[in-house]
């Protein structure tokens, strides 16, 4: 799947309607429903093989697809102290769908099982 990602210059941004809270819901509320739990002091289960790829290739060529293909908002580009955009990984939001492991165009994200098996708790849904 990662090999089929189109370059940003060849695409038109999609304008999605705002969530209506009946059929569609906002991202953070949906993540909260998973009851995801990761201990704050555990090592991140999401790492990069090469820290420069998200900005040098993914952001430049594909407009940072990490921030769109992740259904839990784990990946976001934030501005650093030098005014440059860099990838921030919010691993505590991860719902273990492994989309990042599949869709990343450079196959740069290393997804491993979290320490202790923490993650979503879907019981009661």
Protein backbone atom coordinates (compact mmCIF):
# COMPACT_ATOMS: atom_id res chain seq x y z
CA UNK A 1 0.00 0.00 0.00
CA UNK A 2 2.85 2.40 0.74
CA UNK A 3 3.99 2.28 -2.88
CA UNK A 4 0.69 3.69 -4.18
CA UNK A 5 0.79 6.99 -2.26
CA UNK A 6 0.52 9.94 -4.65
CA UNK A 7 2.73 13.01 -4.37
CA UNK A 8 1.07 16.10 -2.88
CA UNK A 9 1.52 18.08 -6.11
CA UNK A 10 -0.70 15.54 -7.91
CA UNK A 11 -3.59 15.79 -5.42
CA UNK A 12 -6.36 18.15 -4.36
CA UNK A 13 -7.00 18.50 -0.62
CA UNK A 14 -10.30 16.96 0.50
CA UNK A 15 -12.61 19.26 2.45
CA UNK A 16 -14.48 17.09 4.95
CA UNK A 17 -17.63 18.36 6.70
CA UNK A 18 -17.43 18.96 10.44
CA UNK A 19 -18.52 15.99 12.60
CA UNK A 20 -22.24 15.98 13.35
CA UNK A 21 -21.89 13.87 16.56
CA UNK A 22 -24.60 11.51 15.28
CA UNK A 23 -22.98 9.64 12.41
CA UNK A 24 -19.54 11.24 12.38
CA UNK A 25 -17.40 12.21 15.37
CA UNK A 26 -14.27 14.21 16.04
CA UNK A 27 -10.93 12.45 16.24
CA UNK A 28 -10.11 12.93 19.92
CA UNK A 29 -13.56 11.83 21.12
CA UNK A 30 -13.24 8.69 19.03
CA UNK A 31 -9.78 7.95 20.43
CA UNK A 32 -11.13 8.46 23.97
CA UNK A 33 -13.76 5.75 23.33
CA UNK A 34 -10.99 3.19 22.80
CA UNK A 35 -9.95 3.65 26.45
CA UNK A 36 -6.33 3.58 25.30
CA UNK A 37 -3.82 3.34 28.11
CA UNK A 38 -0.04 3.50 27.86
CA UNK A 39 2.07 3.99 30.98
CA UNK A 40 3.68 7.42 30.85
CA UNK A 41 7.13 6.05 31.63
CA UNK A 42 7.21 3.11 29.21
CA UNK A 43 9.47 3.28 26.13
CA UNK A 44 7.71 4.40 22.97
CA UNK A 45 6.55 1.54 20.78
CA UNK A 46 6.73 3.83 17.74
CA UNK A 47 10.18 4.83 16.51
CA UNK A 48 11.71 6.06 13.29
CA UNK A 49 14.45 4.22 11.46
CA UNK A 50 15.75 7.58 10.18
CA UNK A 51 14.73 10.78 11.99
CA UNK A 52 15.28 13.00 8.94
CA UNK A 53 12.90 11.22 6.55
CA UNK A 54 9.62 12.72 7.85
CA UNK A 55 10.74 16.26 6.97
CA UNK A 56 13.21 15.66 4.15
CA UNK A 57 10.96 13.35 2.13
CA UNK A 58 7.47 12.83 3.57
CA UNK A 59 6.72 16.49 4.34
CA UNK A 60 8.45 17.87 1.26
CA UNK A 61 7.09 15.37 -1.30
CA UNK A 62 3.83 14.07 0.22
CA UNK A 63 2.85 16.96 2.56
CA UNK A 64 3.36 14.81 5.65
CA UNK A 65 0.92 11.95 5.12
CA UNK A 66 1.57 10.71 8.68
CA UNK A 67 -0.71 13.44 9.98
CA UNK A 68 -3.58 12.17 7.81
CA UNK A 69 -3.34 8.37 7.57
CA UNK A 70 -3.23 7.82 11.34
CA UNK A 71 -6.82 7.57 12.64
CA UNK A 72 -5.73 8.54 16.16
CA UNK A 73 -3.68 11.69 15.54
CA UNK A 74 -0.46 10.08 16.73
CA UNK A 75 1.68 11.91 14.17
CA UNK A 76 1.70 15.68 13.84
CA UNK A 77 4.07 18.22 12.42
CA UNK A 78 4.85 20.97 14.89
CA UNK A 79 7.03 24.04 14.63
CA UNK A 80 10.32 23.83 16.55
CA UNK A 81 12.26 26.68 18.18
CA UNK A 82 13.92 27.46 14.83
CA UNK A 83 10.59 27.90 13.02
CA UNK A 84 10.98 24.60 11.15
CA UNK A 85 8.36 21.88 11.07
CA UNK A 86 9.29 18.55 12.64
CA UNK A 87 7.42 15.33 13.31
CA UNK A 88 6.08 14.82 16.82
CA UNK A 89 4.95 11.31 17.75
CA UNK A 90 2.16 11.12 20.36
CA UNK A 91 2.52 7.38 21.00
CA UNK A 92 0.12 7.50 23.96
CA UNK A 93 -2.78 8.02 21.49
CA UNK A 94 -1.92 4.93 19.43
CA UNK A 95 -4.83 2.50 19.00
CA UNK A 96 -2.61 -0.21 17.47
CA UNK A 97 -4.21 -0.31 14.04
CA UNK A 98 -0.73 -0.46 12.43
CA UNK A 99 -1.76 1.85 9.59
CA UNK A 100 1.52 3.72 9.99
CA UNK A 101 3.48 0.50 9.58
CA UNK A 102 1.62 -0.22 6.36
CA UNK A 103 1.11 3.21 4.77
CA UNK A 104 4.34 5.14 5.46
CA UNK A 105 5.78 5.81 1.98
CA UNK A 106 9.41 5.23 3.04
CA UNK A 107 8.59 2.38 5.47
CA UNK A 108 10.44 4.44 8.10
CA UNK A 109 8.14 3.84 11.08
CA UNK A 110 9.02 0.92 13.33
CA UNK A 111 5.90 -0.32 15.18
CA UNK A 112 6.46 -2.84 17.96
CA UNK A 113 4.18 -4.25 20.63
CA UNK A 114 4.12 -1.88 23.61
CA UNK A 115 5.82 -2.89 26.82
CA UNK A 116 3.33 -4.61 29.12
CA UNK A 117 0.75 -5.02 26.35
CA UNK A 118 -0.95 -1.67 27.04
CA UNK A 119 -3.15 -0.04 24.44
CA UNK A 120 -6.85 0.09 23.59
CA UNK A 121 -9.40 -1.56 25.85
CA UNK A 122 -12.49 -2.03 23.69
CA UNK A 123 -14.53 -4.00 26.23
CA UNK A 124 -17.97 -2.52 26.78
CA UNK A 125 -18.26 -0.98 23.31
